Amino acid sequence: MNQQQQEIVAGYAALLELNQRMIEIAVAGDWEELVEMKSEHLCQVETLMNIEYDVTVNEAFREAKRAVLIQIAASEQELRDRLQQRMDELSGAICQARSQRRVKNAYEKAAIG
């Protein structure tokens, strides 16, 4: 691989590291930090897209990139799974709050009536 190809593969490896940090943050439940990191993630993806535009592709580069992309895809799936769990938790909390509000309103109406 030439230097440009190595830099691109290194960029994907850095993206993988960022994904892994995002998973750690999701596990810790720091959702605000996760949102902030997502913008950094998007910037890295955009940068990679821009520098990869004119790169010459050979078998060594393709295989090195493929290996990292497989890991990135797995980490992205894990992150999506954790986000889905969080959305399910929030949905449950919203439903519970609505039920509590309905009960409260029913008691208030009964007390007034």
PDB file of N, CA and C in Angstrom:
ATOM      1  N   MET A   1       0.845  -1.188   0.000  1.00  0.00           N
ATOM      2  CA  MET A   1       0.000   0.000   0.000  1.00  0.00           C
ATOM      3  C   MET A   1       0.883   1.240   0.000  1.00  0.00           C
ATOM      4  N   ASN A   2       0.414   2.255  -0.684  1.00  0.00           N
ATOM      5  CA  ASN A   2       1.150   3.517  -0.674  1.00  0.00           C
ATOM      6  C   ASN A   2       0.746   4.340   0.551  1.00  0.00           C
ATOM      7  N   GLN A   3       1.395   5.469   0.725  1.00  0.00           N
ATOM      8  CA  GLN A   3       1.168   6.284   1.921  1.00  0.00           C
ATOM      9  C   GLN A   3      -0.270   6.785   2.006  1.00  0.00           C
ATOM     10  N   GLN A   4      -0.832   7.210   0.903  1.00  0.00           N
ATOM     11  CA  GLN A   4      -2.214   7.699   0.910  1.00  0.00           C
ATOM     12  C   GLN A   4      -3.178   6.585   1.330  1.00  0.00           C
ATOM     13  N   GLN A   5      -2.968   5.404   0.817  1.00  0.00           N
ATOM     14  CA  GLN A   5      -3.814   4.275   1.187  1.00  0.00           C
ATOM     15  C   GLN A   5      -3.663   3.942   2.671  1.00  0.00           C
ATOM     16  N   GLN A   6      -2.425   3.983   3.169  1.00  0.00           N
ATOM     17  CA  GLN A   6      -2.186   3.720   4.588  1.00  0.00           C
ATOM     18  C   GLN A   6      -2.880   4.757   5.465  1.00  0.00           C
ATOM     19  N   GLU A   7      -2.854   6.012   5.030  1.00  0.00           N
ATOM     20  CA  GLU A   7      -3.517   7.077   5.787  1.00  0.00           C
ATOM     21  C   GLU A   7      -5.027   6.857   5.827  1.00  0.00           C
ATOM     22  N   ILE A   8      -5.576   6.396   4.731  1.00  0.00           N
ATOM     23  CA  ILE A   8      -7.014   6.139   4.689  1.00  0.00           C
ATOM     24  C   ILE A   8      -7.379   4.985   5.611  1.00  0.00           C
ATOM     25  N   VAL A   9      -6.617   3.906   5.550  1.00  0.00           N
ATOM     26  CA  VAL A   9      -6.872   2.773   6.446  1.00  0.00           C
ATOM     27  C   VAL A   9      -6.716   3.219   7.905  1.00  0.00           C
ATOM     28  N   ALA A  10      -5.724   4.053   8.181  1.00  0.00           N
ATOM     29  CA  ALA A  10      -5.547   4.587   9.537  1.00  0.00           C
ATOM     30  C   ALA A  10      -6.744   5.443   9.942  1.00  0.00           C
ATOM     31  N   GLY A  11      -7.292   6.182   8.985  1.00  0.00           N
ATOM     32  CA  GLY A  11      -8.490   6.983   9.251  1.00  0.00           C
ATOM     33  C   GLY A  11      -9.674   6.104   9.617  1.00  0.00           C
ATOM     34  N   TYR A  12      -9.831   4.997   8.922  1.00  0.00           N
ATOM     35  CA  TYR A  12     -10.903   4.061   9.259  1.00  0.00           C
ATOM     36  C   TYR A  12     -10.658   3.414  10.623  1.00  0.00           C
ATOM     37  N   ALA A  13      -9.400   3.127  10.937  1.00  0.00           N
ATOM     38  CA  ALA A  13      -9.070   2.573  12.255  1.00  0.00           C
ATOM     39  C   ALA A  13      -9.411   3.587  13.353  1.00  0.00           C
ATOM     40  N   ALA A  14      -9.151   4.868  13.098  1.00  0.00           N
ATOM     41  CA  ALA A  14      -9.503   5.913  14.062  1.00  0.00           C
ATOM     42  C   ALA A  14     -11.017   6.001  14.217  1.00  0.00           C
ATOM     43  N   LEU A  15     -11.725   5.824  13.120  1.00  0.00           N
ATOM     44  CA  LEU A  15     -13.186   5.831  13.174  1.00  0.00           C
ATOM     45  C   LEU A  15     -13.690   4.652  14.010  1.00  0.00           C
ATOM     46  N   LEU A  16     -13.053   3.507  13.862  1.00  0.00           N
ATOM     47  CA  LEU A  16     -13.407   2.339  14.670  1.00  0.00           C
ATOM     48  C   LEU A  16     -13.180   2.628  16.152  1.00  0.00           C
ATOM     49  N   GLU A  17     -12.060   3.249  16.480  1.00  0.00           N
ATOM     50  CA  GLU A  17     -11.783   3.607  17.876  1.00  0.00           C
ATOM     51  C   GLU A  17     -12.847   4.561  18.414  1.00  0.00           C
ATOM     52  N   LEU A  18     -13.247   5.514  17.591  1.00  0.00           N
ATOM     53  CA  LEU A  18     -14.290   6.455  18.002  1.00  0.00           C
ATOM     54  C   LEU A  18     -15.601   5.703  18.245  1.00  0.00           C
ATOM     55  N   ASN A  19     -15.931   4.768  17.362  1.00  0.00           N
ATOM     56  CA  ASN A  19     -17.141   3.963  17.563  1.00  0.00           C
ATOM     57  C   ASN A  19     -17.076   3.207  18.882  1.00  0.00           C
ATOM     58  N   GLN A  20     -15.924   2.645  19.188  1.00  0.00           N
ATOM     59  CA  GLN A  20     -15.780   1.890  20.434  1.00  0.00           C
ATOM     60  C   GLN A  20     -15.925   2.801  21.651  1.00  0.00           C
ATOM     61  N   ARG A  21     -15.393   4.026  21.550  1.00  0.00           N
ATOM     62  CA  ARG A  21     -15.579   4.993  22.650  1.00  0.00           C
ATOM     63  C   ARG A  21     -17.064   5.364  22.778  1.00  0.00           C
ATOM     64  N   MET A  22     -17.738   5.493  21.651  1.00  0.00           N
ATOM     65  CA  MET A  22     -19.168   5.817  21.686  1.00  0.00           C
ATOM     66  C   MET A  22     -19.952   4.693  22.357  1.00  0.00           C
ATOM     67  N   ILE A  23     -19.579   3.455  22.113  1.00  0.00           N
ATOM     68  CA  ILE A  23     -20.246   2.324  22.768  1.00  0.00           C
ATOM     69  C   ILE A  23     -20.013   2.391  24.266  1.00  0.00           C
ATOM     70  N   GLU A  24     -18.783   2.679  24.685  1.00  0.00           N
ATOM     71  CA  GLU A  24     -18.476   2.797  26.115  1.00  0.00           C
ATOM     72  C   GLU A  24     -19.315   3.895  26.759  1.00  0.00           C
ATOM     73  N   ILE A  25     -19.475   4.983  26.053  1.00  0.00           N
ATOM     74  CA  ILE A  25     -20.277   6.103  26.571  1.00  0.00           C
ATOM     75  C   ILE A  25     -21.749   5.702  26.661  1.00  0.00           C
ATOM     76  N   ALA A  26     -22.236   4.963  25.668  1.00  0.00           N
ATOM     77  CA  ALA A  26     -23.621   4.483  25.708  1.00  0.00           C
ATOM     78  C   ALA A  26     -23.822   3.530  26.881  1.00  0.00           C
ATOM     79  N   VAL A  27     -22.859   2.642  27.102  1.00  0.00           N
ATOM     80  CA  VAL A  27     -22.945   1.705  28.234  1.00  0.00           C
ATOM     81  C   VAL A  27     -22.993   2.481  29.545  1.00  0.00           C
ATOM     82  N   ALA A  28     -22.224   3.566  29.623  1.00  0.00           N
ATOM     83  CA  ALA A  28     -22.197   4.391  30.833  1.00  0.00           C
ATOM     84  C   ALA A  28     -23.463   5.236  30.985  1.00  0.00           C
ATOM     85  N   GLY A  29     -24.249   5.343  29.904  1.00  0.00           N
ATOM     86  CA  GLY A  29     -25.495   6.109  29.966  1.00  0.00           C
ATOM     87  C   GLY A  29     -25.312   7.602  29.829  1.00  0.00           C
ATOM     88  N   ASP A  30     -24.191   8.037  29.294  1.00  0.00           N
ATOM     89  CA  ASP A  30     -23.938   9.474  29.104  1.00  0.00           C
ATOM     90  C   ASP A  30     -24.420   9.873  27.708  1.00  0.00           C
ATOM     91  N   TRP A  31     -25.714  10.017  27.582  1.00  0.00           N
ATOM     92  CA  TRP A  31     -26.330  10.208  26.270  1.00  0.00           C
ATOM     93  C   TRP A  31     -25.996  11.563  25.662  1.00  0.00           C
ATOM     94  N   GLU A  32     -25.821  12.587  26.493  1.00  0.00           N
ATOM     95  CA  GLU A  32     -25.447  13.901  25.964  1.00  0.00           C
ATOM     96  C   GLU A  32     -24.057  13.856  25.330  1.00  0.00           C
ATOM     97  N   GLU A  33     -23.131  13.199  26.000  1.00  0.00           N
ATOM     98  CA  GLU A  33     -21.775  13.054  25.458  1.00  0.00           C
ATOM     99  C   GLU A  33     -21.816  12.255  24.157  1.00  0.00           C
ATOM    100  N   LEU A  34     -22.668  11.255  24.110  1.00  0.00           N
ATOM    101  CA  LEU A  34     -22.798  10.442  22.902  1.00  0.00           C
ATOM    102  C   LEU A  34     -23.266  11.292  21.722  1.00  0.00           C
ATOM    103  N   VAL A  35     -24.204  12.164  21.961  1.00  0.00           N
ATOM    104  CA  VAL A  35     -24.693  13.052  20.895  1.00  0.00           C
ATOM    105  C   VAL A  35     -23.568  13.953  20.404  1.00  0.00           C
ATOM    106  N   GLU A  36     -22.774  14.479  21.320  1.00  0.00           N
ATOM    107  CA  GLU A  36     -21.644  15.322  20.926  1.00  0.00           C
ATOM    108  C   GLU A  36     -20.623  14.536  20.105  1.00  0.00           C
ATOM    109  N   MET A  37     -20.371  13.298  20.510  1.00  0.00           N
ATOM    110  CA  MET A  37     -19.402  12.475  19.782  1.00  0.00           C
ATOM    111  C   MET A  37     -19.917  12.098  18.396  1.00  0.00           C
ATOM    112  N   LYS A  38     -21.224  12.014  18.243  1.00  0.00           N
ATOM    113  CA  LYS A  38     -21.783  11.648  16.947  1.00  0.00           C
ATOM    114  C   LYS A  38     -21.430  12.693  15.898  1.00  0.00           C
ATOM    115  N   SER A  39     -21.391  13.960  16.269  1.00  0.00           N
ATOM    116  CA  SER A  39     -21.006  14.984  15.301  1.00  0.00           C
ATOM    117  C   SER A  39     -19.536  14.832  14.912  1.00  0.00           C
ATOM    118  N   GLU A  40     -18.688  14.466  15.868  1.00  0.00           N
ATOM    119  CA  GLU A  40     -17.283  14.193  15.556  1.00  0.00           C
ATOM    120  C   GLU A  40     -17.184  12.996  14.604  1.00  0.00           C
ATOM    121  N   HIS A  41     -17.994  11.997  14.861  1.00  0.00           N
ATOM    122  CA  HIS A  41     -18.046  10.796  14.022  1.00  0.00           C
ATOM    123  C   HIS A  41     -18.410  11.174  12.583  1.00  0.00           C
ATOM    124  N   LEU A  42     -19.428  11.992  12.429  1.00  0.00           N
ATOM    125  CA  LEU A  42     -19.857  12.397  11.090  1.00  0.00           C
ATOM    126  C   LEU A  42     -18.775  13.195  10.364  1.00  0.00           C
ATOM    127  N   CYS A  43     -18.057  14.029  11.099  1.00  0.00           N
ATOM    128  CA  CYS A  43     -16.955  14.785  10.492  1.00  0.00           C
ATOM    129  C   CYS A  43     -15.855  13.853  10.009  1.00  0.00           C
ATOM    130  N   GLN A  44     -15.534  12.840  10.800  1.00  0.00           N
ATOM    131  CA  GLN A  44     -14.499  11.879  10.388  1.00  0.00           C
ATOM    132  C   GLN A  44     -14.937  11.115   9.141  1.00  0.00           C
ATOM    133  N   VAL A  45     -16.197  10.721   9.091  1.00  0.00           N
ATOM    134  CA  VAL A  45     -16.701  10.009   7.916  1.00  0.00           C
ATOM    135  C   VAL A  45     -16.602  10.896   6.682  1.00  0.00           C
ATOM    136  N   GLU A  46     -17.006  12.144   6.827  1.00  0.00           N
ATOM    137  CA  GLU A  46     -16.951  13.077   5.696  1.00  0.00           C
ATOM    138  C   GLU A  46     -15.510  13.289   5.234  1.00  0.00           C
ATOM    139  N   THR A  47     -14.598  13.433   6.174  1.00  0.00           N
ATOM    140  CA  THR A  47     -13.185  13.602   5.826  1.00  0.00           C
ATOM    141  C   THR A  47     -12.671  12.390   5.061  1.00  0.00           C
ATOM    142  N   LEU A  48     -13.007  11.206   5.538  1.00  0.00           N
ATOM    143  CA  LEU A  48     -12.576   9.987   4.846  1.00  0.00           C
ATOM    144  C   LEU A  48     -13.146   9.926   3.432  1.00  0.00           C
ATOM    145  N   MET A  49     -14.392  10.298   3.287  1.00  0.00           N
ATOM    146  CA  MET A  49     -15.002  10.281   1.956  1.00  0.00           C
ATOM    147  C   MET A  49     -14.264  11.232   1.012  1.00  0.00           C
ATOM    148  N   ASN A  50     -13.888  12.386   1.527  1.00  0.00           N
ATOM    149  CA  ASN A  50     -13.212  13.382   0.691  1.00  0.00           C
ATOM    150  C   ASN A  50     -11.806  12.950   0.296  1.00  0.00           C
ATOM    151  N   ILE A  51     -11.040  12.356   1.220  1.00  0.00           N
ATOM    152  CA  ILE A  51      -9.665  11.980   0.880  1.00  0.00           C
ATOM    153  C   ILE A  51      -9.606  10.686   0.091  1.00  0.00           C
ATOM    154  N   GLU A  52     -10.656   9.895   0.170  1.00  0.00           N
ATOM    155  CA  GLU A  52     -10.657   8.618  -0.524  1.00  0.00           C
ATOM    156  C   GLU A  52     -11.125   8.750  -1.975  1.00  0.00           C
ATOM    157  N   TYR A  53     -11.621   9.893  -2.315  1.00  0.00           N
ATOM    158  CA  TYR A  53     -12.246  10.104  -3.620  1.00  0.00           C
ATOM    159  C   TYR A  53     -11.339   9.720  -4.786  1.00  0.00           C
ATOM    160  N   ASP A  54     -10.084  10.113  -4.761  1.00  0.00           N
ATOM    161  CA  ASP A  54      -9.180   9.882  -5.888  1.00  0.00           C
ATOM    162  C   ASP A  54      -8.128   8.806  -5.634  1.00  0.00           C
ATOM    163  N   VAL A  55      -8.291   7.994  -4.612  1.00  0.00           N
ATOM    164  CA  VAL A  55      -7.257   7.026  -4.270  1.00  0.00           C
ATOM    165  C   VAL A  55      -7.262   5.852  -5.262  1.00  0.00           C
ATOM    166  N   THR A  56      -6.083   5.394  -5.555  1.00  0.00           N
ATOM    167  CA  THR A  56      -5.925   4.208  -6.394  1.00  0.00           C
ATOM    168  C   THR A  56      -6.183   2.984  -5.528  1.00  0.00           C
ATOM    169  N   VAL A  57      -6.974   2.072  -6.045  1.00  0.00           N
ATOM    170  CA  VAL A  57      -7.341   0.889  -5.274  1.00  0.00           C
ATOM    171  C   VAL A  57      -6.559  -0.313  -5.782  1.00  0.00           C
ATOM    172  N   ASN A  58      -5.934  -1.025  -4.837  1.00  0.00           N
ATOM    173  CA  ASN A  58      -5.293  -2.288  -5.179  1.00  0.00           C
ATOM    174  C   ASN A  58      -5.752  -3.332  -4.165  1.00  0.00           C
ATOM    175  N   GLU A  59      -5.343  -4.561  -4.350  1.00  0.00           N
ATOM    176  CA  GLU A  59      -5.837  -5.654  -3.509  1.00  0.00           C
ATOM    177  C   GLU A  59      -5.458  -5.476  -2.043  1.00  0.00           C
ATOM    178  N   ALA A  60      -4.233  -5.053  -1.769  1.00  0.00           N
ATOM    179  CA  ALA A  60      -3.793  -4.882  -0.380  1.00  0.00           C
ATOM    180  C   ALA A  60      -4.630  -3.807   0.318  1.00  0.00           C
ATOM    181  N   PHE A  61      -4.864  -2.697  -0.374  1.00  0.00           N
ATOM    182  CA  PHE A  61      -5.681  -1.621   0.189  1.00  0.00           C
ATOM    183  C   PHE A  61      -7.110  -2.111   0.404  1.00  0.00           C
ATOM    184  N   ARG A  62      -7.665  -2.760  -0.575  1.00  0.00           N
ATOM    185  CA  ARG A  62      -9.044  -3.249  -0.495  1.00  0.00           C
ATOM    186  C   ARG A  62      -9.212  -4.184   0.714  1.00  0.00           C
ATOM    187  N   GLU A  63      -8.272  -5.094   0.902  1.00  0.00           N
ATOM    188  CA  GLU A  63      -8.371  -6.049   2.005  1.00  0.00           C
ATOM    189  C   GLU A  63      -8.182  -5.380   3.366  1.00  0.00           C
ATOM    190  N   ALA A  64      -7.237  -4.453   3.456  1.00  0.00           N
ATOM    191  CA  ALA A  64      -7.007  -3.747   4.728  1.00  0.00           C
ATOM    192  C   ALA A  64      -8.234  -2.915   5.093  1.00  0.00           C
ATOM    193  N   LYS A  65      -8.780  -2.240   4.123  1.00  0.00           N
ATOM    194  CA  LYS A  65      -9.970  -1.421   4.352  1.00  0.00           C
ATOM    195  C   LYS A  65     -11.156  -2.313   4.717  1.00  0.00           C
ATOM    196  N   ARG A  66     -11.299  -3.407   4.012  1.00  0.00           N
ATOM    197  CA  ARG A  66     -12.404  -4.339   4.264  1.00  0.00           C
ATOM    198  C   ARG A  66     -12.363  -4.857   5.696  1.00  0.00           C
ATOM    199  N   ALA A  67     -11.188  -5.220   6.177  1.00  0.00           N
ATOM    200  CA  ALA A  67     -11.053  -5.746   7.538  1.00  0.00           C
ATOM    201  C   ALA A  67     -11.517  -4.725   8.583  1.00  0.00           C
ATOM    202  N   VAL A  68     -11.145  -3.480   8.377  1.00  0.00           N
ATOM    203  CA  VAL A  68     -11.557  -2.436   9.327  1.00  0.00           C
ATOM    204  C   VAL A  68     -13.048  -2.157   9.187  1.00  0.00           C
ATOM    205  N   LEU A  69     -13.553  -2.136   7.958  1.00  0.00           N
ATOM    206  CA  LEU A  69     -14.973  -1.856   7.747  1.00  0.00           C
ATOM    207  C   LEU A  69     -15.873  -2.924   8.372  1.00  0.00           C
ATOM    208  N   ILE A  70     -15.427  -4.161   8.356  1.00  0.00           N
ATOM    209  CA  ILE A  70     -16.201  -5.223   9.007  1.00  0.00           C
ATOM    210  C   ILE A  70     -16.329  -4.930  10.507  1.00  0.00           C
ATOM    211  N   GLN A  71     -15.235  -4.517  11.107  1.00  0.00           N
ATOM    212  CA  GLN A  71     -15.255  -4.184  12.536  1.00  0.00           C
ATOM    213  C   GLN A  71     -16.114  -2.952  12.802  1.00  0.00           C
ATOM    214  N   ILE A  72     -16.018  -1.969  11.909  1.00  0.00           N
ATOM    215  CA  ILE A  72     -16.840  -0.759  12.056  1.00  0.00           C
ATOM    216  C   ILE A  72     -18.318  -1.122  11.978  1.00  0.00           C
ATOM    217  N   ALA A  73     -18.679  -1.970  11.026  1.00  0.00           N
ATOM    218  CA  ALA A  73     -20.081  -2.376  10.877  1.00  0.00           C
ATOM    219  C   ALA A  73     -20.583  -3.070  12.137  1.00  0.00           C
ATOM    220  N   ALA A  74     -19.760  -3.927  12.723  1.00  0.00           N
ATOM    221  CA  ALA A  74     -20.156  -4.615  13.950  1.00  0.00           C
ATOM    222  C   ALA A  74     -20.336  -3.626  15.101  1.00  0.00           C
ATOM    223  N   SER A  75     -19.429  -2.666  15.202  1.00  0.00           N
ATOM    224  CA  SER A  75     -19.548  -1.683  16.289  1.00  0.00           C
ATOM    225  C   SER A  75     -20.749  -0.774  16.069  1.00  0.00           C
ATOM    226  N   GLU A  76     -21.032  -0.433  14.811  1.00  0.00           N
ATOM    227  CA  GLU A  76     -22.213   0.381  14.505  1.00  0.00           C
ATOM    228  C   GLU A  76     -23.482  -0.364  14.904  1.00  0.00           C
ATOM    229  N   GLN A  77     -23.524  -1.667  14.649  1.00  0.00           N
ATOM    230  CA  GLN A  77     -24.696  -2.460  15.018  1.00  0.00           C
ATOM    231  C   GLN A  77     -24.863  -2.504  16.532  1.00  0.00           C
ATOM    232  N   GLU A  78     -23.760  -2.680  17.242  1.00  0.00           N
ATOM    233  CA  GLU A  78     -23.835  -2.687  18.705  1.00  0.00           C
ATOM    234  C   GLU A  78     -24.335  -1.348  19.229  1.00  0.00           C
ATOM    235  N   LEU A  79     -23.857  -0.272  18.650  1.00  0.00           N
ATOM    236  CA  LEU A  79     -24.299   1.052  19.067  1.00  0.00           C
ATOM    237  C   LEU A  79     -25.789   1.236  18.773  1.00  0.00           C
ATOM    238  N   ARG A  80     -26.238   0.813  17.597  1.00  0.00           N
ATOM    239  CA  ARG A  80     -27.669   0.899  17.271  1.00  0.00           C
ATOM    240  C   ARG A  80     -28.504   0.089  18.255  1.00  0.00           C
ATOM    241  N   ASP A  81     -28.023  -1.095  18.617  1.00  0.00           N
ATOM    242  CA  ASP A  81     -28.747  -1.930  19.586  1.00  0.00           C
ATOM    243  C   ASP A  81     -28.868  -1.218  20.923  1.00  0.00           C
ATOM    244  N   ARG A  82     -27.792  -0.597  21.369  1.00  0.00           N
ATOM    245  CA  ARG A  82     -27.823   0.121  22.646  1.00  0.00           C
ATOM    246  C   ARG A  82     -28.739   1.340  22.580  1.00  0.00           C
ATOM    247  N   LEU A  83     -28.733   2.019  21.450  1.00  0.00           N
ATOM    248  CA  LEU A  83     -29.639   3.160  21.284  1.00  0.00           C
ATOM    249  C   LEU A  83     -31.090   2.698  21.270  1.00  0.00           C
ATOM    250  N   GLN A  84     -31.361   1.556  20.645  1.00  0.00           N
ATOM    251  CA  GLN A  84     -32.716   1.017  20.638  1.00  0.00           C
ATOM    252  C   GLN A  84     -33.167   0.665  22.054  1.00  0.00           C
ATOM    253  N   GLN A  85     -32.269   0.089  22.844  1.00  0.00           N
ATOM    254  CA  GLN A  85     -32.594  -0.211  24.241  1.00  0.00           C
ATOM    255  C   GLN A  85     -32.955   1.064  24.983  1.00  0.00           C
ATOM    256  N   ARG A  86     -32.179   2.118  24.739  1.00  0.00           N
ATOM    257  CA  ARG A  86     -32.450   3.400  25.410  1.00  0.00           C
ATOM    258  C   ARG A  86     -33.788   3.973  24.963  1.00  0.00           C
ATOM    259  N   MET A  87     -34.080   3.879  23.680  1.00  0.00           N
ATOM    260  CA  MET A  87     -35.370   4.368  23.187  1.00  0.00           C
ATOM    261  C   MET A  87     -36.512   3.578  23.806  1.00  0.00           C
ATOM    262  N   ASP A  88     -36.344   2.280  23.965  1.00  0.00           N
ATOM    263  CA  ASP A  88     -37.368   1.453  24.607  1.00  0.00           C
ATOM    264  C   ASP A  88     -37.566   1.867  26.059  1.00  0.00           C
ATOM    265  N   GLU A  89     -36.461   2.160  26.764  1.00  0.00           N
ATOM    266  CA  GLU A  89     -36.557   2.617  28.150  1.00  0.00           C
ATOM    267  C   GLU A  89     -37.321   3.934  28.236  1.00  0.00           C
ATOM    268  N   LEU A  90     -36.977   4.858  27.347  1.00  0.00           N
ATOM    269  CA  LEU A  90     -37.647   6.159  27.354  1.00  0.00           C
ATOM    270  C   LEU A  90     -39.125   6.028  26.994  1.00  0.00           C
ATOM    271  N   SER A  91     -39.424   5.162  26.051  1.00  0.00           N
ATOM    272  CA  SER A  91     -40.812   4.937  25.668  1.00  0.00           C
ATOM    273  C   SER A  91     -41.609   4.389  26.843  1.00  0.00           C
ATOM    274  N   GLY A  92     -41.019   3.453  27.571  1.00  0.00           N
ATOM    275  CA  GLY A  92     -41.674   2.901  28.754  1.00  0.00           C
ATOM    276  C   GLY A  92     -41.902   3.966  29.813  1.00  0.00           C
ATOM    277  N   ALA A  93     -40.921   4.823  30.005  1.00  0.00           N
ATOM    278  CA  ALA A  93     -41.047   5.894  30.994  1.00  0.00           C
ATOM    279  C   ALA A  93     -42.137   6.882  30.588  1.00  0.00           C
ATOM    280  N   ILE A  94     -42.227   7.175  29.307  1.00  0.00           N
ATOM    281  CA  ILE A  94     -43.268   8.088  28.814  1.00  0.00           C
ATOM    282  C   ILE A  94     -44.647   7.477  29.022  1.00  0.00           C
ATOM    283  N   CYS A  95     -44.778   6.197  28.702  1.00  0.00           N
ATOM    284  CA  CYS A  95     -46.067   5.522  28.901  1.00  0.00           C
ATOM    285  C   CYS A  95     -46.467   5.521  30.365  1.00  0.00           C
ATOM    286  N   GLN A  96     -45.505   5.266  31.230  1.00  0.00           N
ATOM    287  CA  GLN A  96     -45.777   5.248  32.661  1.00  0.00           C
ATOM    288  C   GLN A  96     -46.200   6.641  33.143  1.00  0.00           C
ATOM    289  N   ALA A  97     -45.520   7.679  32.662  1.00  0.00           N
ATOM    290  CA  ALA A  97     -45.864   9.043  33.062  1.00  0.00           C
ATOM    291  C   ALA A  97     -47.270   9.400  32.584  1.00  0.00           C
ATOM    292  N   ARG A  98     -47.635   8.980  31.379  1.00  0.00           N
ATOM    293  CA  ARG A  98     -48.990   9.247  30.867  1.00  0.00           C
ATOM    294  C   ARG A  98     -50.037   8.540  31.716  1.00  0.00           C
ATOM    295  N   SER A  99     -49.755   7.297  32.078  1.00  0.00           N
ATOM    296  CA  SER A  99     -50.697   6.544  32.910  1.00  0.00           C
ATOM    297  C   SER A  99     -50.862   7.220  34.264  1.00  0.00           C
ATOM    298  N   GLN A 100     -49.766   7.654  34.846  1.00  0.00           N
ATOM    299  CA  GLN A 100     -49.831   8.329  36.140  1.00  0.00           C
ATOM    300  C   GLN A 100     -50.624   9.633  36.035  1.00  0.00           C
ATOM    301  N   ARG A 101     -50.440  10.344  34.919  1.00  0.00           N
ATOM    302  CA  ARG A 101     -51.178  11.595  34.717  1.00  0.00           C
ATOM    303  C   ARG A 101     -52.675  11.311  34.595  1.00  0.00           C
ATOM    304  N   ARG A 102     -53.043  10.247  33.873  1.00  0.00           N
ATOM    305  CA  ARG A 102     -54.461   9.892  33.726  1.00  0.00           C
ATOM    306  C   ARG A 102     -55.078   9.531  35.082  1.00  0.00           C
ATOM    307  N   VAL A 103     -54.326   8.757  35.880  1.00  0.00           N
ATOM    308  CA  VAL A 103     -54.822   8.387  37.201  1.00  0.00           C
ATOM    309  C   VAL A 103     -55.001   9.628  38.064  1.00  0.00           C
ATOM    310  N   LYS A 104     -54.013  10.509  38.024  1.00  0.00           N
ATOM    311  CA  LYS A 104     -54.089  11.747  38.811  1.00  0.00           C
ATOM    312  C   LYS A 104     -55.292  12.581  38.388  1.00  0.00           C
ATOM    313  N   ASN A 105     -55.471  12.710  37.064  1.00  0.00           N
ATOM    314  CA  ASN A 105     -56.617  13.487  36.566  1.00  0.00           C
ATOM    315  C   ASN A 105     -57.945  12.848  36.989  1.00  0.00           C
ATOM    316  N   ALA A 106     -58.023  11.532  36.976  1.00  0.00           N
ATOM    317  CA  ALA A 106     -59.246  10.839  37.384  1.00  0.00           C
ATOM    318  C   ALA A 106     -59.527  11.076  38.852  1.00  0.00           C
ATOM    319  N   TYR A 107     -58.492  11.022  39.697  1.00  0.00           N
ATOM    320  CA  TYR A 107     -58.699  11.293  41.133  1.00  0.00           C
ATOM    321  C   TYR A 107     -59.114  12.732  41.382  1.00  0.00           C
ATOM    322  N   GLU A 108     -58.504  13.650  40.640  1.00  0.00           N
ATOM    323  CA  GLU A 108     -58.859  15.059  40.804  1.00  0.00           C
ATOM    324  C   GLU A 108     -60.313  15.296  40.395  1.00  0.00           C
ATOM    325  N   LYS A 109     -60.744  14.682  39.308  1.00  0.00           N
ATOM    326  CA  LYS A 109     -62.138  14.836  38.868  1.00  0.00           C
ATOM    327  C   LYS A 109     -63.087  14.232  39.889  1.00  0.00           C
ATOM    328  N   ALA A 110     -62.713  13.090  40.442  1.00  0.00           N
ATOM    329  CA  ALA A 110     -63.565  12.447  41.459  1.00  0.00           C
ATOM    330  C   ALA A 110     -63.641  13.295  42.728  1.00  0.00           C
ATOM    331  N   ALA A 111     -62.514  13.914  43.084  1.00  0.00           N
ATOM    332  CA  ALA A 111     -62.478  14.736  44.299  1.00  0.00           C
ATOM    333  C   ALA A 111     -63.298  16.005  44.117  1.00  0.00           C
ATOM    334  N   ILE A 112     -63.303  16.558  42.915  1.00  0.00           N
ATOM    335  CA  ILE A 112     -64.047  17.779  42.638  1.00  0.00           C
ATOM    336  C   ILE A 112     -65.543  17.468  42.536  1.00  0.00           C
ATOM    337  N   GLY A 113     -65.835  16.358  41.889  1.00  0.00           N
ATOM    338  CA  GLY A 113     -67.222  15.976  41.586  1.00  0.00           C
ATOM    339  C   GLY A 113     -67.936  15.467  42.751  1.00  0.00           C
TER     340      GLY A 113
END
